[in-house]
Amino acid sequence: MAKKIEKAQHSKTATAKHTAVSHTEEKEFPFSKENYVMFGIGTGLIILGLLLMSGTEDVMSFRKLHLSTIVMLAGYIFNIYAIMKRPKIKE
């Protein structure tokens, strides 16, 4: 039983040393270029939705009530996907 505990403690210290070394050698950013491009597209959709919503003409028009809401919702969903998407790991 004591040997198993020693092995477990030894493996924990070995993995801790390994991860510390890997983090100091190369710094990986949480998002890749692809993620930032997707953020830009999503933010552009949100801004487009806000522009569709602006104006002083008929407040109850299809463009203001429905189209702008759908475009903005698509932008928010696209940004959530951009955050959740993992960058491809280079080997």
N, C-alpha and C. Protein backbone atom coordinates (compact mmCIF):
# COMPACT_ATOMS: atom_id res chain seq x y z
N MET A 1 0.82 -1.19 0.00
CA MET A 1 0.00 0.00 0.00
C MET A 1 0.87 1.26 0.00
N ALA A 2 1.93 1.23 0.78
CA ALA A 2 2.82 2.39 0.87
C ALA A 2 3.53 2.62 -0.47
N LYS A 3 3.84 1.53 -1.17
CA LYS A 3 4.50 1.67 -2.47
C LYS A 3 3.57 2.36 -3.48
N LYS A 4 2.29 2.01 -3.42
CA LYS A 4 1.33 2.63 -4.33
C LYS A 4 1.23 4.13 -4.05
N ILE A 5 1.22 4.51 -2.78
CA ILE A 5 1.14 5.92 -2.42
C ILE A 5 2.39 6.65 -2.89
N GLU A 6 3.57 6.02 -2.72
CA GLU A 6 4.81 6.63 -3.17
C GLU A 6 4.80 6.83 -4.68
N LYS A 7 4.32 5.82 -5.42
CA LYS A 7 4.26 5.93 -6.88
C LYS A 7 3.31 7.06 -7.29
N ALA A 8 2.17 7.16 -6.61
CA ALA A 8 1.21 8.20 -6.94
C ALA A 8 1.79 9.58 -6.66
N GLN A 9 2.48 9.73 -5.54
CA GLN A 9 3.08 11.03 -5.21
C GLN A 9 4.20 11.36 -6.19
N HIS A 10 5.00 10.34 -6.57
CA HIS A 10 6.08 10.56 -7.51
C HIS A 10 5.55 10.97 -8.88
N SER A 11 4.46 10.32 -9.31
CA SER A 11 3.90 10.66 -10.62
C SER A 11 3.30 12.06 -10.61
N LYS A 12 2.73 12.48 -9.47
CA LYS A 12 2.18 13.83 -9.38
C LYS A 12 3.29 14.87 -9.51
N THR A 13 4.40 14.65 -8.83
CA THR A 13 5.50 15.62 -8.91
C THR A 13 6.13 15.61 -10.30
N ALA A 14 6.19 14.46 -10.91
CA ALA A 14 6.77 14.38 -12.26
C ALA A 14 5.89 15.13 -13.26
N THR A 15 4.56 14.97 -13.16
CA THR A 15 3.68 15.68 -14.08
C THR A 15 3.69 17.18 -13.80
N ALA A 16 3.81 17.56 -12.54
CA ALA A 16 3.87 18.98 -12.20
C ALA A 16 5.13 19.61 -12.79
N LYS A 17 6.26 18.90 -12.72
CA LYS A 17 7.50 19.41 -13.29
C LYS A 17 7.38 19.49 -14.81
N HIS A 18 6.76 18.49 -15.41
CA HIS A 18 6.61 18.45 -16.86
C HIS A 18 5.75 19.61 -17.36
N THR A 19 4.64 19.87 -16.68
CA THR A 19 3.77 20.96 -17.13
C THR A 19 4.42 22.31 -16.90
N ALA A 20 5.18 22.44 -15.82
CA ALA A 20 5.86 23.71 -15.57
C ALA A 20 6.89 23.99 -16.66
N VAL A 21 7.58 22.96 -17.09
CA VAL A 21 8.59 23.13 -18.14
C VAL A 21 7.93 23.47 -19.46
N SER A 22 6.83 22.80 -19.78
CA SER A 22 6.19 23.04 -21.07
C SER A 22 5.60 24.44 -21.15
N HIS A 23 5.12 24.98 -20.03
CA HIS A 23 4.55 26.32 -20.05
C HIS A 23 5.62 27.39 -20.19
N THR A 24 6.82 27.13 -19.67
CA THR A 24 7.86 28.14 -19.79
C THR A 24 8.53 28.10 -21.16
N GLU A 25 8.58 26.95 -21.79
CA GLU A 25 9.24 26.84 -23.08
C GLU A 25 8.45 27.49 -24.19
N GLU A 26 7.16 27.20 -24.27
CA GLU A 26 6.35 27.77 -25.35
C GLU A 26 5.06 28.30 -24.76
N LYS A 27 4.71 29.51 -25.16
CA LYS A 27 3.47 30.12 -24.69
C LYS A 27 2.43 29.98 -25.79
N GLU A 28 1.33 29.37 -25.44
CA GLU A 28 0.24 29.21 -26.38
C GLU A 28 -0.87 30.18 -26.01
N PHE A 29 -1.38 30.89 -27.00
CA PHE A 29 -2.47 31.79 -26.76
C PHE A 29 -3.77 30.99 -26.72
N PRO A 30 -4.75 31.46 -25.96
CA PRO A 30 -5.99 30.69 -25.86
C PRO A 30 -6.80 30.67 -27.16
N PHE A 31 -6.61 31.67 -28.01
CA PHE A 31 -7.34 31.73 -29.27
C PHE A 31 -6.36 31.81 -30.43
N SER A 32 -6.76 31.22 -31.54
CA SER A 32 -5.94 31.28 -32.75
C SER A 32 -6.42 32.42 -33.64
N LYS A 33 -5.75 32.59 -34.76
CA LYS A 33 -6.13 33.64 -35.71
C LYS A 33 -7.55 33.39 -36.22
N GLU A 34 -7.88 32.12 -36.41
CA GLU A 34 -9.22 31.76 -36.88
C GLU A 34 -10.30 32.23 -35.90
N ASN A 35 -10.03 32.08 -34.59
CA ASN A 35 -10.99 32.53 -33.59
C ASN A 35 -11.20 34.05 -33.67
N TYR A 36 -10.11 34.80 -33.84
CA TYR A 36 -10.23 36.25 -33.90
C TYR A 36 -10.97 36.70 -35.16
N VAL A 37 -10.79 36.01 -36.26
CA VAL A 37 -11.53 36.33 -37.48
C VAL A 37 -13.02 36.07 -37.24
N MET A 38 -13.32 34.98 -36.56
CA MET A 38 -14.72 34.66 -36.27
C MET A 38 -15.32 35.69 -35.31
N PHE A 39 -14.53 36.18 -34.34
CA PHE A 39 -15.00 37.26 -33.47
C PHE A 39 -15.37 38.49 -34.29
N GLY A 40 -14.53 38.81 -35.26
CA GLY A 40 -14.78 39.97 -36.11
C GLY A 40 -16.06 39.82 -36.91
N ILE A 41 -16.29 38.63 -37.45
CA ILE A 41 -17.51 38.38 -38.22
C ILE A 41 -18.74 38.49 -37.32
N GLY A 42 -18.68 37.89 -36.14
CA GLY A 42 -19.80 37.96 -35.21
C GLY A 42 -20.09 39.38 -34.76
N THR A 43 -19.04 40.14 -34.48
CA THR A 43 -19.22 41.53 -34.08
C THR A 43 -19.78 42.36 -35.23
N GLY A 44 -19.34 42.06 -36.45
CA GLY A 44 -19.89 42.73 -37.62
C GLY A 44 -21.38 42.46 -37.78
N LEU A 45 -21.80 41.22 -37.52
CA LEU A 45 -23.23 40.90 -37.60
C LEU A 45 -24.03 41.66 -36.54
N ILE A 46 -23.47 41.78 -35.35
CA ILE A 46 -24.16 42.51 -34.28
C ILE A 46 -24.30 43.99 -34.67
N ILE A 47 -23.23 44.57 -35.19
CA ILE A 47 -23.29 45.97 -35.62
C ILE A 47 -24.28 46.15 -36.77
N LEU A 48 -24.29 45.19 -37.71
CA LEU A 48 -25.26 45.25 -38.81
C LEU A 48 -26.69 45.20 -38.27
N GLY A 49 -26.93 44.36 -37.28
CA GLY A 49 -28.26 44.29 -36.67
C GLY A 49 -28.66 45.59 -36.00
N LEU A 50 -27.70 46.23 -35.34
CA LEU A 50 -27.99 47.52 -34.71
C LEU A 50 -28.28 48.59 -35.77
N LEU A 51 -27.54 48.55 -36.88
CA LEU A 51 -27.81 49.52 -37.95
C LEU A 51 -29.18 49.28 -38.58
N LEU A 52 -29.57 48.02 -38.73
CA LEU A 52 -30.90 47.71 -39.27
C LEU A 52 -31.99 48.19 -38.32
N MET A 53 -31.69 48.22 -37.03
CA MET A 53 -32.68 48.63 -36.04
C MET A 53 -32.81 50.16 -35.95
N SER A 54 -31.80 50.88 -36.40
CA SER A 54 -31.82 52.34 -36.26
C SER A 54 -32.72 52.99 -37.31
N GLY A 55 -33.00 54.25 -37.12
CA GLY A 55 -33.83 55.00 -38.05
C GLY A 55 -35.05 55.57 -37.36
N THR A 56 -35.69 56.52 -38.02
CA THR A 56 -36.85 57.18 -37.40
C THR A 56 -38.17 56.84 -38.10
N GLU A 57 -38.11 56.02 -39.15
CA GLU A 57 -39.36 55.70 -39.83
C GLU A 57 -40.19 54.72 -38.98
N ASP A 58 -41.07 54.02 -39.59
CA ASP A 58 -42.04 53.15 -38.91
C ASP A 58 -41.35 52.22 -37.89
N VAL A 59 -41.76 52.33 -36.65
CA VAL A 59 -41.16 51.55 -35.58
C VAL A 59 -41.58 50.08 -35.68
N MET A 60 -42.74 49.81 -36.19
CA MET A 60 -43.25 48.44 -36.25
C MET A 60 -42.95 47.75 -37.58
N SER A 61 -41.91 48.15 -38.27
CA SER A 61 -41.61 47.54 -39.56
C SER A 61 -40.94 46.18 -39.37
N PHE A 62 -41.00 45.35 -40.42
CA PHE A 62 -40.40 44.02 -40.39
C PHE A 62 -38.89 44.11 -40.16
N ARG A 63 -38.27 45.10 -40.82
CA ARG A 63 -36.81 45.26 -40.73
C ARG A 63 -36.38 45.52 -39.29
N LYS A 64 -37.10 46.39 -38.59
CA LYS A 64 -36.71 46.75 -37.23
C LYS A 64 -37.05 45.68 -36.20
N LEU A 65 -38.19 45.07 -36.33
CA LEU A 65 -38.61 44.11 -35.31
C LEU A 65 -38.03 42.71 -35.51
N HIS A 66 -38.02 42.23 -36.73
CA HIS A 66 -37.67 40.84 -36.96
C HIS A 66 -36.28 40.64 -37.57
N LEU A 67 -36.01 41.32 -38.66
CA LEU A 67 -34.75 41.11 -39.37
C LEU A 67 -33.55 41.51 -38.51
N SER A 68 -33.63 42.68 -37.88
CA SER A 68 -32.50 43.12 -37.06
C SER A 68 -32.28 42.19 -35.87
N THR A 69 -33.35 41.70 -35.28
CA THR A 69 -33.24 40.78 -34.15
C THR A 69 -32.60 39.47 -34.57
N ILE A 70 -32.98 38.95 -35.71
CA ILE A 70 -32.41 37.69 -36.20
C ILE A 70 -30.93 37.86 -36.52
N VAL A 71 -30.56 38.98 -37.14
CA VAL A 71 -29.16 39.22 -37.49
C VAL A 71 -28.31 39.37 -36.22
N MET A 72 -28.82 40.10 -35.22
CA MET A 72 -28.08 40.26 -33.97
C MET A 72 -27.95 38.93 -33.23
N LEU A 73 -29.00 38.15 -33.20
CA LEU A 73 -28.95 36.85 -32.53
C LEU A 73 -27.94 35.95 -33.22
N ALA A 74 -27.89 35.99 -34.55
CA ALA A 74 -26.90 35.20 -35.29
C ALA A 74 -25.49 35.66 -34.93
N GLY A 75 -25.28 36.96 -34.76
CA GLY A 75 -23.98 37.48 -34.37
C GLY A 75 -23.56 37.00 -32.99
N TYR A 76 -24.48 37.03 -32.04
CA TYR A 76 -24.17 36.55 -30.69
C TYR A 76 -23.86 35.05 -30.69
N ILE A 77 -24.64 34.27 -31.41
CA ILE A 77 -24.39 32.83 -31.48
C ILE A 77 -23.05 32.56 -32.15
N PHE A 78 -22.73 33.32 -33.18
CA PHE A 78 -21.45 33.15 -33.88
C PHE A 78 -20.29 33.48 -32.95
N ASN A 79 -20.43 34.53 -32.12
CA ASN A 79 -19.38 34.86 -31.16
C ASN A 79 -19.22 33.79 -30.09
N ILE A 80 -20.31 33.21 -29.64
CA ILE A 80 -20.23 32.13 -28.66
C ILE A 80 -19.50 30.94 -29.28
N TYR A 81 -19.81 30.62 -30.53
CA TYR A 81 -19.11 29.53 -31.22
C TYR A 81 -17.62 29.84 -31.36
N ALA A 82 -17.29 31.11 -31.64
CA ALA A 82 -15.89 31.50 -31.79
C ALA A 82 -15.13 31.33 -30.47
N ILE A 83 -15.80 31.58 -29.36
CA ILE A 83 -15.15 31.39 -28.06
C ILE A 83 -14.97 29.91 -27.75
N MET A 84 -15.96 29.11 -28.07
CA MET A 84 -15.92 27.68 -27.71
C MET A 84 -15.03 26.86 -28.64
N LYS A 85 -14.77 27.33 -29.85
CA LYS A 85 -13.98 26.56 -30.82
C LYS A 85 -12.54 26.48 -30.36
N ARG A 86 -12.02 25.28 -30.32
CA ARG A 86 -10.63 25.08 -29.91
C ARG A 86 -9.72 25.26 -31.11
N PRO A 87 -8.56 25.88 -30.89
CA PRO A 87 -7.61 26.01 -32.00
C PRO A 87 -7.01 24.67 -32.34
N LYS A 88 -6.64 24.50 -33.60
CA LYS A 88 -6.02 23.25 -34.04
C LYS A 88 -4.63 23.13 -33.44
N ILE A 89 -4.30 21.95 -32.96
CA ILE A 89 -3.00 21.73 -32.33
C ILE A 89 -1.99 21.32 -33.41
N LYS A 90 -0.89 22.07 -33.46
CA LYS A 90 0.17 21.74 -34.42
C LYS A 90 1.10 20.73 -33.78
N GLU A 91 1.43 19.70 -34.52
CA GLU A 91 2.31 18.66 -33.98
C GLU A 91 3.70 18.80 -34.49
